[in-house]
């Protein structure tokens, strides 16, 4: 299978997975859209960390790292949600969401690397 097809397949699963995860978090826990984005970004950081720690390359990196994680996680959604909260005057939410995304995303990636190494 070509690299482009592996990326496309991973992206299709990742995008659907993000949608389903956000829906499940809203239904099950009453999560806000920003909470769902935070959750998928942290999980995606962890998965990408596992791939990096396992020194994944070739097909696995294309399928899971570029395709799945690229579509499952989303910086653009984070940026839009931060901007929307900022415009609505929810400054604490902006700071908390941005801080948590970095403060928890980096350790999630490191944990994945550490576990896979």
N, C-alpha and C. Protein backbone atom coordinates (compact mmCIF):
# COMPACT_ATOMS: atom_id res chain seq x y z
N UNK A 1 0.86 -1.18 0.00
CA UNK A 1 0.00 0.00 0.00
C UNK A 1 0.90 1.23 0.00
N UNK A 2 0.54 2.23 -0.77
CA UNK A 2 1.38 3.42 -0.84
C UNK A 2 1.23 4.27 0.41
N UNK A 3 2.23 5.10 0.64
CA UNK A 3 2.21 5.97 1.82
C UNK A 3 0.99 6.87 1.84
N UNK A 4 0.64 7.43 0.69
CA UNK A 4 -0.52 8.32 0.62
C UNK A 4 -1.80 7.61 1.02
N UNK A 5 -1.96 6.36 0.62
CA UNK A 5 -3.16 5.61 1.00
C UNK A 5 -3.17 5.31 2.49
N UNK A 6 -2.01 5.01 3.05
CA UNK A 6 -1.93 4.77 4.49
C UNK A 6 -2.30 6.03 5.28
N UNK A 7 -1.79 7.17 4.83
CA UNK A 7 -2.13 8.44 5.49
C UNK A 7 -3.63 8.69 5.38
N UNK A 8 -4.21 8.49 4.21
CA UNK A 8 -5.65 8.72 4.01
C UNK A 8 -6.48 7.78 4.88
N UNK A 9 -6.10 6.53 4.95
CA UNK A 9 -6.83 5.57 5.78
C UNK A 9 -6.76 5.97 7.25
N UNK A 10 -5.56 6.31 7.72
CA UNK A 10 -5.41 6.75 9.11
C UNK A 10 -6.19 8.01 9.40
N UNK A 11 -6.20 8.94 8.45
CA UNK A 11 -6.92 10.19 8.63
C UNK A 11 -8.43 9.96 8.71
N UNK A 12 -8.93 9.05 7.89
CA UNK A 12 -10.37 8.75 7.91
C UNK A 12 -10.78 8.20 9.28
N UNK A 13 -9.98 7.30 9.80
CA UNK A 13 -10.28 6.72 11.12
C UNK A 13 -10.09 7.78 12.21
N UNK A 14 -9.04 8.59 12.10
CA UNK A 14 -8.77 9.62 13.10
C UNK A 14 -9.87 10.67 13.17
N UNK A 15 -10.33 11.14 12.02
CA UNK A 15 -11.38 12.16 12.00
C UNK A 15 -12.69 11.62 12.57
N UNK A 16 -13.05 10.40 12.17
CA UNK A 16 -14.26 9.78 12.72
C UNK A 16 -14.09 9.54 14.22
N UNK A 17 -12.90 9.13 14.62
CA UNK A 17 -12.63 8.90 16.03
C UNK A 17 -12.75 10.17 16.86
N UNK A 18 -12.27 11.28 16.31
CA UNK A 18 -12.39 12.56 17.02
C UNK A 18 -13.86 12.91 17.21
N UNK A 19 -14.64 12.77 16.16
CA UNK A 19 -16.07 13.08 16.24
C UNK A 19 -16.75 12.19 17.28
N UNK A 20 -16.49 10.90 17.22
CA UNK A 20 -17.12 9.97 18.17
C UNK A 20 -16.67 10.22 19.60
N UNK A 21 -15.40 10.52 19.79
CA UNK A 21 -14.89 10.81 21.14
C UNK A 21 -15.56 12.04 21.70
N UNK A 22 -15.62 13.12 20.91
CA UNK A 22 -16.27 14.35 21.37
C UNK A 22 -17.73 14.11 21.71
N UNK A 23 -18.43 13.37 20.86
CA UNK A 23 -19.85 13.06 21.11
C UNK A 23 -19.99 12.25 22.39
N UNK A 24 -19.16 11.24 22.56
CA UNK A 24 -19.23 10.39 23.75
C UNK A 24 -18.95 11.20 25.01
N UNK A 25 -17.96 12.07 24.97
CA UNK A 25 -17.63 12.89 26.15
C UNK A 25 -18.76 13.85 26.50
N UNK A 26 -19.41 14.41 25.47
CA UNK A 26 -20.55 15.30 25.73
C UNK A 26 -21.71 14.52 26.34
N UNK A 27 -22.04 13.37 25.75
CA UNK A 27 -23.17 12.58 26.23
C UNK A 27 -22.93 11.98 27.61
N UNK A 28 -21.76 11.44 27.81
CA UNK A 28 -21.44 10.71 29.04
C UNK A 28 -21.10 11.63 30.21
N UNK A 29 -20.33 12.70 29.92
CA UNK A 29 -19.82 13.54 30.99
C UNK A 29 -20.24 15.00 30.90
N UNK A 30 -21.01 15.35 29.88
CA UNK A 30 -21.42 16.74 29.71
C UNK A 30 -20.25 17.66 29.34
N UNK A 31 -19.24 17.10 28.70
CA UNK A 31 -18.05 17.88 28.35
C UNK A 31 -18.39 18.98 27.35
N UNK A 32 -17.72 20.08 27.49
CA UNK A 32 -17.85 21.17 26.53
C UNK A 32 -17.06 20.82 25.27
N UNK A 33 -17.31 21.52 24.16
CA UNK A 33 -16.49 21.28 22.98
C UNK A 33 -14.99 21.46 23.27
N UNK A 34 -14.64 22.45 24.07
CA UNK A 34 -13.23 22.67 24.41
C UNK A 34 -12.68 21.50 25.22
N UNK A 35 -13.49 20.94 26.08
CA UNK A 35 -13.06 19.77 26.86
C UNK A 35 -12.82 18.56 25.97
N UNK A 36 -13.66 18.39 24.97
CA UNK A 36 -13.47 17.29 24.02
C UNK A 36 -12.21 17.47 23.20
N UNK A 37 -11.95 18.70 22.78
CA UNK A 37 -10.73 18.97 22.02
C UNK A 37 -9.50 18.72 22.86
N UNK A 38 -9.54 19.14 24.12
CA UNK A 38 -8.42 18.89 25.03
C UNK A 38 -8.18 17.40 25.17
N UNK A 39 -9.25 16.63 25.35
CA UNK A 39 -9.12 15.19 25.54
C UNK A 39 -8.51 14.51 24.32
N UNK A 40 -8.99 14.83 23.13
CA UNK A 40 -8.44 14.18 21.94
C UNK A 40 -7.01 14.62 21.68
N UNK A 41 -6.70 15.87 21.96
CA UNK A 41 -5.33 16.33 21.76
C UNK A 41 -4.36 15.66 22.73
N UNK A 42 -4.78 15.43 23.96
CA UNK A 42 -3.92 14.74 24.93
C UNK A 42 -3.73 13.28 24.53
N UNK A 43 -4.80 12.62 24.14
CA UNK A 43 -4.68 11.22 23.72
C UNK A 43 -3.82 11.11 22.46
N UNK A 44 -4.02 12.01 21.53
CA UNK A 44 -3.21 12.01 20.32
C UNK A 44 -1.74 12.27 20.62
N UNK A 45 -1.46 13.16 21.56
CA UNK A 45 -0.07 13.41 21.97
C UNK A 45 0.56 12.15 22.54
N UNK A 46 -0.21 11.44 23.34
CA UNK A 46 0.28 10.19 23.92
C UNK A 46 0.57 9.16 22.83
N UNK A 47 -0.37 8.97 21.91
CA UNK A 47 -0.18 7.99 20.82
C UNK A 47 1.03 8.35 19.98
N UNK A 48 1.18 9.63 19.64
CA UNK A 48 2.34 10.05 18.86
C UNK A 48 3.62 9.84 19.65
N UNK A 49 3.57 10.04 20.96
CA UNK A 49 4.73 9.76 21.80
C UNK A 49 5.09 8.29 21.78
N UNK A 50 4.09 7.43 21.84
CA UNK A 50 4.35 5.98 21.76
C UNK A 50 5.03 5.64 20.44
N UNK A 51 4.55 6.20 19.35
CA UNK A 51 5.15 5.95 18.04
C UNK A 51 6.60 6.44 18.00
N UNK A 52 6.84 7.62 18.57
CA UNK A 52 8.21 8.16 18.58
C UNK A 52 9.11 7.28 19.46
N UNK A 53 8.61 6.88 20.61
CA UNK A 53 9.40 6.05 21.52
C UNK A 53 9.70 4.68 20.94
N UNK A 54 8.79 4.17 20.14
CA UNK A 54 8.98 2.87 19.51
C UNK A 54 9.77 2.99 18.21
N UNK A 55 10.18 4.21 17.89
CA UNK A 55 10.92 4.49 16.66
C UNK A 55 10.18 3.97 15.43
N UNK A 56 8.86 4.20 15.43
CA UNK A 56 8.04 3.78 14.30
C UNK A 56 8.47 4.51 13.04
N UNK A 57 8.46 3.82 11.94
CA UNK A 57 8.78 4.45 10.67
C UNK A 57 7.97 3.79 9.58
N UNK A 58 8.13 4.28 8.38
CA UNK A 58 7.47 3.68 7.24
C UNK A 58 5.96 3.69 7.35
N UNK A 59 5.38 2.52 7.13
CA UNK A 59 3.93 2.39 7.08
C UNK A 59 3.23 2.74 8.38
N UNK A 60 3.79 2.31 9.50
CA UNK A 60 3.14 2.60 10.79
C UNK A 60 3.11 4.10 11.08
N UNK A 61 4.20 4.78 10.79
CA UNK A 61 4.25 6.22 11.01
C UNK A 61 3.27 6.94 10.09
N UNK A 62 3.18 6.50 8.84
CA UNK A 62 2.25 7.12 7.90
C UNK A 62 0.80 6.90 8.34
N UNK A 63 0.48 5.66 8.70
CA UNK A 63 -0.89 5.30 9.09
C UNK A 63 -1.31 5.96 10.40
N UNK A 64 -0.51 5.76 11.43
CA UNK A 64 -0.90 6.22 12.77
C UNK A 64 -0.41 7.61 13.12
N UNK A 65 0.85 7.90 12.82
CA UNK A 65 1.41 9.19 13.21
C UNK A 65 0.89 10.34 12.37
N UNK A 66 1.04 10.22 11.07
CA UNK A 66 0.62 11.30 10.18
C UNK A 66 -0.89 11.26 9.95
N UNK A 67 -1.41 10.09 9.58
CA UNK A 67 -2.83 9.98 9.25
C UNK A 67 -3.74 10.09 10.47
N UNK A 68 -3.66 9.09 11.35
CA UNK A 68 -4.58 9.05 12.48
C UNK A 68 -4.40 10.24 13.41
N UNK A 69 -3.17 10.43 13.93
CA UNK A 69 -2.95 11.52 14.89
C UNK A 69 -3.17 12.88 14.25
N UNK A 70 -2.81 13.01 12.98
CA UNK A 70 -3.01 14.28 12.29
C UNK A 70 -4.48 14.67 12.19
N UNK A 71 -5.34 13.69 11.99
CA UNK A 71 -6.78 13.97 11.88
C UNK A 71 -7.49 13.92 13.23
N UNK A 72 -6.99 13.10 14.13
CA UNK A 72 -7.63 12.95 15.45
C UNK A 72 -7.41 14.20 16.31
N UNK A 73 -6.20 14.71 16.29
CA UNK A 73 -5.90 15.92 17.05
C UNK A 73 -6.09 17.11 16.13
N UNK A 74 -6.25 18.28 16.73
CA UNK A 74 -6.52 19.42 15.87
C UNK A 74 -6.14 20.73 16.52
N UNK A 75 -5.09 21.33 16.00
CA UNK A 75 -4.69 22.65 16.47
C UNK A 75 -5.67 23.71 16.01
N UNK A 76 -6.21 23.55 14.81
CA UNK A 76 -7.12 24.55 14.28
C UNK A 76 -8.39 24.65 15.12
N UNK A 77 -8.91 23.54 15.58
CA UNK A 77 -10.09 23.58 16.44
C UNK A 77 -9.75 24.23 17.77
N UNK A 78 -8.60 23.90 18.33
CA UNK A 78 -8.16 24.53 19.58
C UNK A 78 -8.09 26.04 19.39
N UNK A 79 -7.46 26.49 18.32
CA UNK A 79 -7.31 27.92 18.08
C UNK A 79 -8.68 28.60 17.94
N UNK A 80 -9.60 27.98 17.21
CA UNK A 80 -10.93 28.56 17.04
C UNK A 80 -11.69 28.61 18.36
N UNK A 81 -11.61 27.57 19.15
CA UNK A 81 -12.29 27.56 20.44
C UNK A 81 -11.70 28.60 21.39
N UNK A 82 -10.38 28.76 21.36
CA UNK A 82 -9.75 29.79 22.19
C UNK A 82 -10.20 31.18 21.76
N UNK A 83 -10.23 31.41 20.44
CA UNK A 83 -10.64 32.72 19.95
C UNK A 83 -12.11 32.99 20.29
N UNK A 84 -12.96 32.01 20.14
CA UNK A 84 -14.38 32.17 20.45
C UNK A 84 -14.57 32.52 21.93
N UNK A 85 -13.86 31.81 22.80
CA UNK A 85 -13.95 32.10 24.23
C UNK A 85 -13.42 33.50 24.54
N UNK A 86 -12.35 33.89 23.87
CA UNK A 86 -11.78 35.23 24.05
C UNK A 86 -12.79 36.30 23.65
N UNK A 87 -13.42 36.13 22.50
CA UNK A 87 -14.41 37.10 22.03
C UNK A 87 -15.61 37.18 22.96
N UNK A 88 -15.97 36.05 23.58
CA UNK A 88 -17.10 36.02 24.50
C UNK A 88 -16.74 36.53 25.89
N UNK A 89 -15.49 36.92 26.07
CA UNK A 89 -15.06 37.44 27.37
C UNK A 89 -14.73 36.38 28.39
N UNK A 90 -14.59 35.14 27.96
CA UNK A 90 -14.28 34.04 28.89
C UNK A 90 -12.77 33.88 28.98
N UNK A 91 -12.12 34.90 29.55
CA UNK A 91 -10.66 34.96 29.60
C UNK A 91 -10.06 33.81 30.41
N UNK A 92 -10.67 33.46 31.51
CA UNK A 92 -10.15 32.35 32.33
C UNK A 92 -10.15 31.04 31.55
N UNK A 93 -11.20 30.80 30.78
CA UNK A 93 -11.27 29.59 29.97
C UNK A 93 -10.16 29.58 28.92
N UNK A 94 -9.90 30.73 28.32
CA UNK A 94 -8.83 30.82 27.32
C UNK A 94 -7.50 30.44 27.95
N UNK A 95 -7.19 31.07 29.06
CA UNK A 95 -5.90 30.81 29.73
C UNK A 95 -5.82 29.36 30.21
N UNK A 96 -6.90 28.88 30.82
CA UNK A 96 -6.89 27.51 31.34
C UNK A 96 -6.74 26.48 30.22
N UNK A 97 -7.48 26.66 29.14
CA UNK A 97 -7.43 25.70 28.04
C UNK A 97 -6.06 25.71 27.37
N UNK A 98 -5.52 26.89 27.11
CA UNK A 98 -4.19 26.97 26.49
C UNK A 98 -3.13 26.38 27.41
N UNK A 99 -3.20 26.71 28.68
CA UNK A 99 -2.21 26.21 29.64
C UNK A 99 -2.31 24.69 29.81
N UNK A 100 -3.53 24.18 29.93
CA UNK A 100 -3.71 22.74 30.09
C UNK A 100 -3.27 21.98 28.84
N UNK A 101 -3.53 22.55 27.66
CA UNK A 101 -3.12 21.88 26.43
C UNK A 101 -1.62 21.68 26.39
N UNK A 102 -0.87 22.68 26.80
CA UNK A 102 0.59 22.56 26.82
C UNK A 102 1.08 21.79 28.04
N UNK A 103 0.54 22.14 29.20
CA UNK A 103 1.03 21.53 30.44
C UNK A 103 0.73 20.03 30.52
N UNK A 104 -0.32 19.58 29.87
CA UNK A 104 -0.66 18.16 29.89
C UNK A 104 -0.27 17.45 28.59
N UNK A 105 -0.26 18.18 27.47
CA UNK A 105 0.09 17.56 26.19
C UNK A 105 1.54 17.14 26.12
N UNK A 106 2.44 17.96 26.61
CA UNK A 106 3.86 17.61 26.60
C UNK A 106 4.14 16.38 27.47
N UNK A 107 3.63 16.34 28.71
CA UNK A 107 3.85 15.11 29.49
C UNK A 107 3.18 13.88 28.89
N UNK A 108 2.03 14.06 28.22
CA UNK A 108 1.38 12.91 27.58
C UNK A 108 2.28 12.35 26.48
N UNK A 109 2.87 13.21 25.70
CA UNK A 109 3.79 12.76 24.65
C UNK A 109 5.01 12.09 25.27
N UNK A 110 5.56 12.69 26.32
CA UNK A 110 6.73 12.11 26.98
C UNK A 110 6.39 10.74 27.57
N UNK A 111 5.22 10.61 28.19
CA UNK A 111 4.80 9.32 28.77
C UNK A 111 4.74 8.26 27.69
N UNK A 112 4.19 8.63 26.54
CA UNK A 112 4.14 7.67 25.43
C UNK A 112 5.53 7.26 24.98
N UNK A 113 6.44 8.23 24.87
CA UNK A 113 7.81 7.91 24.49
C UNK A 113 8.46 7.01 25.52
N UNK A 114 8.29 7.34 26.77
CA UNK A 114 8.90 6.56 27.87
C UNK A 114 8.36 5.15 27.90
N UNK A 115 7.05 4.97 27.75
CA UNK A 115 6.46 3.64 27.79
C UNK A 115 6.90 2.78 26.61
N UNK A 116 7.09 3.41 25.45
CA UNK A 116 7.44 2.64 24.26
C UNK A 116 8.95 2.39 24.13
N UNK A 117 9.73 3.11 24.89
CA UNK A 117 11.19 2.95 24.77
C UNK A 117 11.70 1.75 25.56
